[in-house]
Amino acid sequence: MVNDPLRVVAVASHRGPGHAKEAPIGQSPTSLDRSMPSSKPLMTQSSGPIPASIESALRTLETESGGINALAAALRGPLGESFAKAVDLIRQAKGRVIVTGLGKSGHMARKIAATLASTGTPAFFVHAAEAGHGDLGMITTDDVIMALSWSGEQPEMKNLVNYSARFAIPMIAVTSNAASSLGQAADIVIELPKAREACPHNLAPTTSTLMQAAIGDAIAIALLEGRGFTALEFAHFHPGGKLGAMLKFVRDYMRTGADIPVKPVGTKMSDAVMEMSAKGLGCVCIVNDTGEAVGIITDGDLRRHMRPDLLTASVDDIMTSQPKTVPPSMLATEMIEVLNTRKITTLVVTEADKVVGIVHLHDLLRAGVA
């Protein structure tokens, strides 16, 4: 292996039926098959035996969780040093992370590239086989290559590996075999522990691809945390969908101007109730002479203070003082947390202590945020 700290590659590969995973020392592939959990029927509390499909699903999850546990244990040991070096190499790179692979590992490589890009680390996927047909031109000397290949012996990787060596482009190998051709060519090797596939024949990439995805997530989050990447920055890269909607701001959802139910202190409750009914939010904000929020009256306040002279009373006697307010610059995710924590449905929006808007849970539901 080349010990040049300026070179990183991540390659992903596919193991077909002809590339079964090695059996642990002293254990044959046949004995591995026999070591799978038996099909002894499980029982539920009320409906009798669990269907065979659920038993299969539970065995799959148990096997795959074993792979994740093995990966975590390896990170606490020798793998941790290689992982840290890979993160540092990517952090120092002037260019992008080129994530590459084939087959199932290629699918994982594409996912890892997407996760890196959305969390502030410029990255994109290059298909290892297509690289030799012109896509090598996408890779610059400022980049870092991350190559995923479980076996580390994919012939389709040769052109990309040679290109990396020719132009001194750092390469990180993510493989289960550090002694493989890919591992020996890489600057940094993240050697994943060998773990049994969930497939009963120990062939179909299942546990192995989950481990690849997990190490990719671990790298992305380590880079995110090391960079101090914020939710606001994440919003720049993910403006679409529900996640994008949650990363908008209070000002994007608040009602403003004449749509704000508001009355001054000293107002009779009859007028306040009319304002609540007209604006349809089930509340009215009470402000002082300078436009500052000093109280709020909700439907709940009306029920709690129900009495014969309610409509002739002053809002000052009925309102809840010091209502919870939020700034228009607050993220929608934070606003929802405030609503949930305080178990309320309405928030008054203020800027420089003046009421500038109001947000209701129903508006958030209609927008698909809550």
Protein backbone atom coordinates (compact mmCIF):
# COMPACT_ATOMS: atom_id res chain seq x y z
CA MET A 1 0.00 0.00 0.00
CA VAL A 2 1.19 3.50 -0.77
CA ASN A 3 1.40 5.58 2.40
CA ASP A 4 0.96 8.95 0.71
CA PRO A 5 -1.49 11.02 2.84
CA LEU A 6 -2.57 12.89 -0.28
CA ARG A 7 -4.33 10.02 -1.97
CA VAL A 8 -7.88 8.69 -1.31
CA VAL A 9 -10.17 6.31 -3.30
CA ALA A 10 -13.56 4.70 -2.63
CA VAL A 11 -14.63 1.88 -4.99
CA ALA A 12 -17.76 -0.25 -4.95
CA SER A 13 -18.06 -3.71 -6.49
CA HIS A 14 -20.55 -6.51 -7.00
CA ARG A 15 -20.09 -10.08 -5.91
CA GLY A 16 -22.11 -12.46 -7.98
CA PRO A 17 -22.76 -16.13 -7.25
CA GLY A 18 -19.24 -16.90 -8.42
CA HIS A 19 -17.72 -14.72 -5.71
CA ALA A 20 -19.01 -16.17 -2.48
CA LYS A 21 -17.67 -14.66 0.71
CA GLU A 22 -14.80 -16.42 2.43
CA ALA A 23 -15.65 -18.75 5.27
CA PRO A 24 -13.99 -18.02 8.61
CA ILE A 25 -10.85 -20.07 9.32
CA GLY A 26 -11.75 -23.62 10.18
CA GLN A 27 -15.27 -23.33 8.82
CA SER A 28 -16.35 -24.38 5.35
CA PRO A 29 -19.01 -22.62 3.27
CA THR A 30 -21.20 -25.64 3.75
CA SER A 31 -20.93 -25.39 7.51
CA LEU A 32 -21.71 -21.69 7.21
CA ASP A 33 -25.00 -22.57 5.56
CA ARG A 34 -25.79 -24.99 8.33
CA SER A 35 -25.00 -22.31 10.92
CA MET A 36 -27.97 -20.21 9.88
CA PRO A 37 -30.74 -20.01 12.49
CA SER A 38 -33.15 -22.90 12.23
CA SER A 39 -36.72 -22.44 11.05
CA LYS A 40 -38.12 -23.23 14.48
CA PRO A 41 -41.48 -21.42 14.51
CA LEU A 42 -41.78 -18.36 16.70
CA MET A 43 -44.94 -17.66 18.66
CA THR A 44 -47.00 -14.53 19.07
CA GLN A 45 -48.97 -13.71 22.19
CA SER A 46 -52.35 -13.90 20.52
CA SER A 47 -52.31 -15.34 17.02
CA GLY A 48 -50.11 -18.43 17.32
CA PRO A 49 -47.04 -19.16 15.15
CA ILE A 50 -45.44 -16.26 13.27
CA PRO A 51 -45.63 -16.67 9.46
CA ALA A 52 -42.52 -18.01 7.76
CA SER A 53 -42.01 -14.70 5.94
CA ILE A 54 -41.75 -12.83 9.24
CA GLU A 55 -39.38 -15.45 10.64
CA SER A 56 -37.24 -14.92 7.54
CA ALA A 57 -37.36 -11.15 8.00
CA LEU A 58 -36.30 -11.45 11.63
CA ARG A 59 -33.37 -13.70 10.70
CA THR A 60 -32.33 -11.18 8.04
CA LEU A 61 -32.43 -8.27 10.47
CA GLU A 62 -30.55 -10.24 13.12
CA THR A 63 -27.82 -11.21 10.66
CA GLU A 64 -27.46 -7.68 9.28
CA SER A 65 -27.38 -6.14 12.76
CA GLY A 66 -24.51 -8.49 13.51
CA GLY A 67 -22.60 -6.93 10.62
CA ILE A 68 -23.21 -3.42 11.94
CA ASN A 69 -22.09 -4.49 15.42
CA ALA A 70 -18.92 -5.97 13.96
CA LEU A 71 -18.27 -2.72 12.10
CA ALA A 72 -18.71 -0.66 15.28
CA ALA A 73 -16.32 -2.97 17.14
CA ALA A 74 -13.74 -2.63 14.34
CA LEU A 75 -13.96 1.17 14.48
CA ARG A 76 -13.03 1.01 18.17
CA GLY A 77 -9.95 -0.94 17.14
CA PRO A 78 -7.48 -0.78 14.22
CA LEU A 79 -10.11 0.38 11.69
CA GLY A 80 -10.53 3.61 13.64
CA GLU A 81 -7.10 4.92 12.57
CA SER A 82 -7.79 4.36 8.87
CA PHE A 83 -11.24 5.90 9.21
CA ALA A 84 -9.83 9.04 10.84
CA LYS A 85 -7.17 9.38 8.12
CA ALA A 86 -9.81 9.05 5.41
CA VAL A 87 -11.98 11.76 6.98
CA ASP A 88 -8.98 14.09 7.30
CA LEU A 89 -7.96 13.45 3.69
CA ILE A 90 -11.42 14.30 2.40
CA ARG A 91 -11.64 17.38 4.61
CA GLN A 92 -8.36 18.73 3.25
CA ALA A 93 -9.13 18.01 -0.40
CA LYS A 94 -9.52 21.07 -2.62
CA GLY A 95 -11.82 19.25 -5.03
CA ARG A 96 -14.62 16.75 -4.72
CA VAL A 97 -15.06 13.19 -3.54
CA ILE A 98 -15.46 10.82 -6.49
CA VAL A 99 -17.34 7.77 -5.23
CA THR A 100 -17.21 4.74 -7.52
CA GLY A 101 -18.14 1.09 -7.68
CA LEU A 102 -19.90 -1.71 -9.56
CA GLY A 103 -23.04 -3.76 -9.05
CA LYS A 104 -24.61 -3.58 -5.60
CA SER A 105 -21.54 -1.80 -4.28
CA GLY A 106 -22.05 0.72 -7.07
CA HIS A 107 -25.57 1.40 -5.83
CA MET A 108 -24.16 2.00 -2.36
CA ALA A 109 -21.49 4.28 -3.82
CA ARG A 110 -24.16 6.36 -5.55
CA LYS A 111 -26.04 6.68 -2.25
CA ILE A 112 -22.88 7.67 -0.36
CA ALA A 113 -22.10 10.36 -2.95
CA ALA A 114 -25.62 11.77 -2.55
CA THR A 115 -25.33 11.82 1.25
CA LEU A 116 -21.95 13.55 1.13
CA ALA A 117 -23.21 16.18 -1.29
CA SER A 118 -26.31 16.98 0.76
CA THR A 119 -24.27 17.39 3.94
CA GLY A 120 -21.77 19.88 2.60
CA THR A 121 -19.04 17.69 1.06
CA PRO A 122 -19.00 18.13 -2.75
CA ALA A 123 -19.24 14.65 -4.24
CA PHE A 124 -20.59 12.71 -7.19
CA PHE A 125 -20.75 9.14 -8.44
CA VAL A 126 -18.69 7.76 -11.32
CA HIS A 127 -19.46 4.27 -12.58
CA ALA A 128 -16.25 2.26 -12.42
CA ALA A 129 -16.82 0.56 -15.81
CA GLU A 130 -17.93 3.76 -17.57
CA ALA A 131 -14.85 5.56 -16.24
CA GLY A 132 -12.72 3.87 -18.89
CA HIS A 133 -15.00 5.12 -21.65
CA GLY A 134 -14.51 8.83 -21.13
CA ASP A 135 -15.81 9.47 -17.62
CA LEU A 136 -12.26 9.65 -16.25
CA GLY A 137 -12.34 13.20 -17.61
CA MET A 138 -14.69 14.10 -14.75
CA ILE A 139 -11.94 13.47 -12.20
CA THR A 140 -9.34 16.16 -11.49
CA THR A 141 -6.08 16.13 -9.56
CA ASP A 142 -7.75 18.11 -6.76
CA ASP A 143 -10.27 15.32 -6.13
CA VAL A 144 -10.27 12.28 -3.87
CA ILE A 145 -11.50 8.90 -5.08
CA MET A 146 -13.49 6.62 -2.79
CA ALA A 147 -13.79 3.15 -4.28
CA LEU A 148 -16.13 0.48 -2.92
CA SER A 149 -15.43 -3.18 -3.68
CA TRP A 150 -16.07 -5.99 -1.23
CA SER A 151 -13.53 -8.32 -2.83
CA GLY A 152 -11.20 -5.59 -4.07
CA GLU A 153 -10.55 -7.63 -7.21
CA GLN A 154 -12.85 -6.13 -9.83
CA PRO A 155 -11.07 -5.98 -13.24
CA GLU A 156 -13.32 -3.11 -14.30
CA MET A 157 -11.58 -0.97 -11.66
CA LYS A 158 -8.21 -1.24 -13.39
CA ASN A 159 -8.55 1.85 -15.60
CA LEU A 160 -9.67 4.01 -12.71
CA VAL A 161 -6.92 2.73 -10.40
CA ASN A 162 -4.28 3.35 -13.07
CA TYR A 163 -5.62 6.86 -13.68
CA SER A 164 -5.44 7.56 -9.95
CA ALA A 165 -1.80 6.42 -9.82
CA ARG A 166 -0.81 8.25 -13.00
CA PHE A 167 -2.07 11.65 -11.84
CA ALA A 168 -1.41 11.14 -8.10
CA ILE A 169 -5.10 11.42 -7.23
CA PRO A 170 -5.61 10.21 -3.64
CA MET A 171 -7.63 7.02 -3.36
CA ILE A 172 -9.51 5.46 -0.45
CA ALA A 173 -10.51 1.80 -0.78
CA VAL A 174 -13.55 0.52 1.10
CA THR A 175 -13.18 -3.26 0.94
CA SER A 176 -13.17 -6.37 3.08
CA ASN A 177 -9.71 -7.38 1.83
CA ALA A 178 -6.84 -4.96 2.41
CA ALA A 179 -4.48 -7.37 0.63
CA SER A 180 -6.52 -7.19 -2.58
CA SER A 181 -5.35 -5.41 -5.72
CA LEU A 182 -7.51 -2.42 -4.87
CA GLY A 183 -6.34 -2.36 -1.27
CA GLN A 184 -2.67 -2.44 -2.26
CA ALA A 185 -3.15 0.36 -4.80
CA ALA A 186 -5.03 2.65 -2.39
CA ASP A 187 -3.50 5.30 -0.16
CA ILE A 188 -5.93 4.53 2.65
CA VAL A 189 -7.83 1.27 3.16
CA ILE A 190 -11.01 1.08 5.18
CA GLU A 191 -11.12 -2.68 5.68
CA LEU A 192 -14.64 -3.75 6.62
CA PRO A 193 -14.92 -6.82 8.84
CA LYS A 194 -16.10 -9.97 7.12
CA ALA A 195 -19.68 -10.77 8.07
CA ARG A 196 -22.19 -13.31 6.93
CA GLU A 197 -24.70 -12.22 4.29
CA ALA A 198 -28.38 -12.46 5.21
CA CYS A 199 -28.83 -14.63 2.13
CA PRO A 200 -29.13 -18.28 3.32
CA HIS A 201 -26.51 -19.22 0.70
CA ASN A 202 -24.16 -16.47 1.89
CA LEU A 203 -24.09 -15.08 -1.66
CA ALA A 204 -26.47 -12.16 -2.30
CA PRO A 205 -24.88 -8.87 -1.10
CA THR A 206 -27.05 -7.85 1.86
CA THR A 207 -25.13 -7.48 5.11
CA SER A 208 -22.09 -6.30 3.15
CA THR A 209 -23.95 -3.53 1.32
CA LEU A 210 -25.56 -2.39 4.57
CA MET A 211 -22.09 -2.10 6.11
CA GLN A 212 -20.90 -0.09 3.10
CA ALA A 213 -23.82 2.29 3.43
CA ALA A 214 -23.21 2.59 7.18
CA ILE A 215 -19.51 3.45 6.81
CA GLY A 216 -20.46 6.00 4.16
CA ASP A 217 -22.94 7.59 6.53
CA ALA A 218 -20.32 7.60 9.28
CA ILE A 219 -17.84 9.44 7.02
CA ALA A 220 -20.46 11.98 5.93
CA ILE A 221 -21.57 12.77 9.48
CA ALA A 222 -18.00 12.98 10.76
CA LEU A 223 -17.27 15.54 8.04
CA LEU A 224 -20.52 17.39 8.78
CA GLU A 225 -19.78 17.65 12.49
CA GLY A 226 -16.14 18.54 11.94
CA ARG A 227 -17.14 21.36 9.62
CA GLY A 228 -19.88 22.66 11.93
CA PHE A 229 -22.42 22.21 9.11
CA THR A 230 -25.74 23.76 10.19
CA ALA A 231 -29.38 23.09 9.37
CA LEU A 232 -29.46 26.41 7.49
CA GLU A 233 -26.63 25.22 5.24
CA PHE A 234 -28.41 21.89 4.74
CA ALA A 235 -31.48 23.84 3.56
CA HIS A 236 -29.46 25.33 0.70
CA PHE A 237 -28.85 21.85 -0.72
CA HIS A 238 -32.29 20.38 0.00
CA PRO A 239 -35.08 22.89 -0.82
CA GLY A 240 -37.53 20.27 -2.13
CA GLY A 241 -39.99 17.84 -0.53
CA LYS A 242 -41.16 17.73 3.07
CA LEU A 243 -37.60 18.00 4.35
CA GLY A 244 -37.12 21.15 2.30
CA ALA A 245 -40.39 22.55 3.63
CA MET A 246 -39.24 21.96 7.20
CA LEU A 247 -36.05 23.86 6.46
CA LYS A 248 -37.92 27.00 5.46
CA PHE A 249 -38.50 29.80 7.92
CA VAL A 250 -41.36 31.06 10.07
CA ARG A 251 -41.74 34.03 7.71
CA ASP A 252 -42.58 31.60 4.89
CA TYR A 253 -45.66 30.30 6.74
CA MET A 254 -46.89 33.15 8.95
CA ARG A 255 -50.01 35.20 8.29
CA THR A 256 -49.37 38.92 8.08
CA GLY A 257 -51.12 42.28 7.85
CA ALA A 258 -54.91 42.23 7.95
CA ASP A 259 -54.88 38.42 8.41
CA ILE A 260 -53.48 38.75 11.94
CA PRO A 261 -56.22 38.57 14.61
CA VAL A 262 -55.22 41.44 16.90
CA LYS A 263 -56.90 43.83 19.35
CA PRO A 264 -55.51 46.49 21.72
CA VAL A 265 -55.57 46.24 25.49
CA GLY A 266 -58.81 47.48 27.04
CA THR A 267 -60.97 45.99 24.27
CA LYS A 268 -64.27 44.39 25.29
CA MET A 269 -64.45 40.66 24.94
CA SER A 270 -67.40 40.98 22.54
CA ASP A 271 -65.11 42.72 20.04
CA ALA A 272 -62.33 40.24 20.66
CA VAL A 273 -64.66 37.30 19.97
CA MET A 274 -65.77 38.94 16.74
CA GLU A 275 -62.12 39.30 15.69
CA MET A 276 -61.42 35.66 16.53
CA SER A 277 -64.39 34.53 14.44
CA ALA A 278 -63.52 36.76 11.50
CA LYS A 279 -59.89 35.60 11.21
CA GLY A 280 -60.68 31.93 11.83
CA LEU A 281 -57.60 31.04 13.86
CA GLY A 282 -59.30 30.46 17.20
CA CYS A 283 -57.28 33.16 18.89
CA VAL A 284 -56.66 36.89 19.10
CA CYS A 285 -53.40 38.62 19.98
CA ILE A 286 -53.59 41.50 22.45
CA VAL A 287 -51.12 44.36 21.90
CA ASN A 288 -50.23 47.54 23.76
CA ASP A 289 -50.00 51.06 22.34
CA THR A 290 -46.63 50.37 20.72
CA GLY A 291 -47.70 47.13 19.00
CA GLU A 292 -46.00 44.77 21.40
CA ALA A 293 -47.69 41.45 22.21
CA VAL A 294 -48.80 41.48 25.85
CA GLY A 295 -51.30 38.64 25.75
CA ILE A 296 -53.30 36.15 23.73
CA ILE A 297 -56.84 34.81 24.02
CA THR A 298 -57.66 31.39 22.62
CA ASP A 299 -60.75 29.20 22.42
CA GLY A 300 -59.47 27.47 25.52
CA ASP A 301 -59.41 30.76 27.42
CA LEU A 302 -63.05 31.35 26.49
CA ARG A 303 -64.06 27.97 27.87
CA ARG A 304 -62.07 28.44 31.06
CA HIS A 305 -63.59 31.88 31.71
CA MET A 306 -67.14 31.13 30.62
CA ARG A 307 -69.54 33.26 32.74
CA PRO A 308 -72.63 35.47 32.21
CA ASP A 309 -70.65 38.72 31.91
CA LEU A 310 -67.87 37.30 29.71
CA LEU A 311 -68.69 39.41 26.64
CA THR A 312 -68.72 42.64 28.63
CA ALA A 313 -65.42 41.90 30.39
CA SER A 314 -62.12 43.41 29.27
CA VAL A 315 -59.60 41.38 27.36
CA ASP A 316 -57.11 42.32 30.07
CA ASP A 317 -58.97 40.06 32.51
CA ILE A 318 -59.22 37.06 30.17
CA MET A 319 -55.99 36.97 28.19
CA THR A 320 -52.98 34.80 28.90
CA SER A 321 -50.15 37.23 29.55
CA GLN A 322 -46.72 37.02 27.98
CA PRO A 323 -47.62 34.76 25.05
CA LYS A 324 -44.92 32.62 23.47
CA THR A 325 -43.40 34.47 20.51
CA VAL A 326 -40.92 33.47 17.81
CA PRO A 327 -38.90 35.50 15.29
CA PRO A 328 -39.65 35.29 11.55
CA SER A 329 -36.11 33.99 10.98
CA MET A 330 -36.66 30.79 13.02
CA LEU A 331 -36.53 27.51 11.08
CA ALA A 332 -39.84 25.70 10.61
CA THR A 333 -38.38 22.63 12.32
CA GLU A 334 -37.61 24.67 15.44
CA MET A 335 -41.06 26.24 15.34
CA ILE A 336 -42.72 22.82 15.27
CA GLU A 337 -40.60 21.77 18.23
CA VAL A 338 -41.88 24.80 20.17
CA LEU A 339 -45.50 23.96 19.31
CA ASN A 340 -45.06 20.32 20.35
CA THR A 341 -43.14 21.09 23.54
CA ARG A 342 -45.62 23.69 24.76
CA LYS A 343 -48.64 21.74 23.43
CA ILE A 344 -50.10 24.79 21.68
CA THR A 345 -51.41 25.39 18.16
CA THR A 346 -50.60 29.07 17.62
CA LEU A 347 -47.46 31.19 17.80
CA VAL A 348 -47.20 34.97 17.65
CA VAL A 349 -44.38 36.20 15.43
CA THR A 350 -42.53 39.31 16.56
CA GLU A 351 -39.64 41.38 15.27
CA ALA A 352 -38.06 44.13 17.41
CA ASP A 353 -40.83 43.29 19.94
CA LYS A 354 -43.57 44.26 17.43
CA VAL A 355 -46.18 41.77 16.21
CA VAL A 356 -45.51 41.04 12.52
CA GLY A 357 -47.35 37.77 12.03
CA ILE A 358 -49.02 34.68 13.44
CA VAL A 359 -48.55 31.00 12.67
CA HIS A 360 -51.16 28.30 13.21
CA LEU A 361 -50.58 24.54 13.24
CA HIS A 362 -53.27 24.07 10.57
CA ASP A 363 -51.26 26.23 8.16
CA LEU A 364 -48.25 23.98 8.73
CA LEU A 365 -50.34 20.87 8.17
CA ARG A 366 -51.66 22.25 4.87
CA ALA A 367 -48.11 23.03 3.76
CA GLY A 368 -47.03 19.48 4.61
CA VAL A 369 -44.56 20.62 7.25
CA ALA A 370 -46.15 19.21 10.40
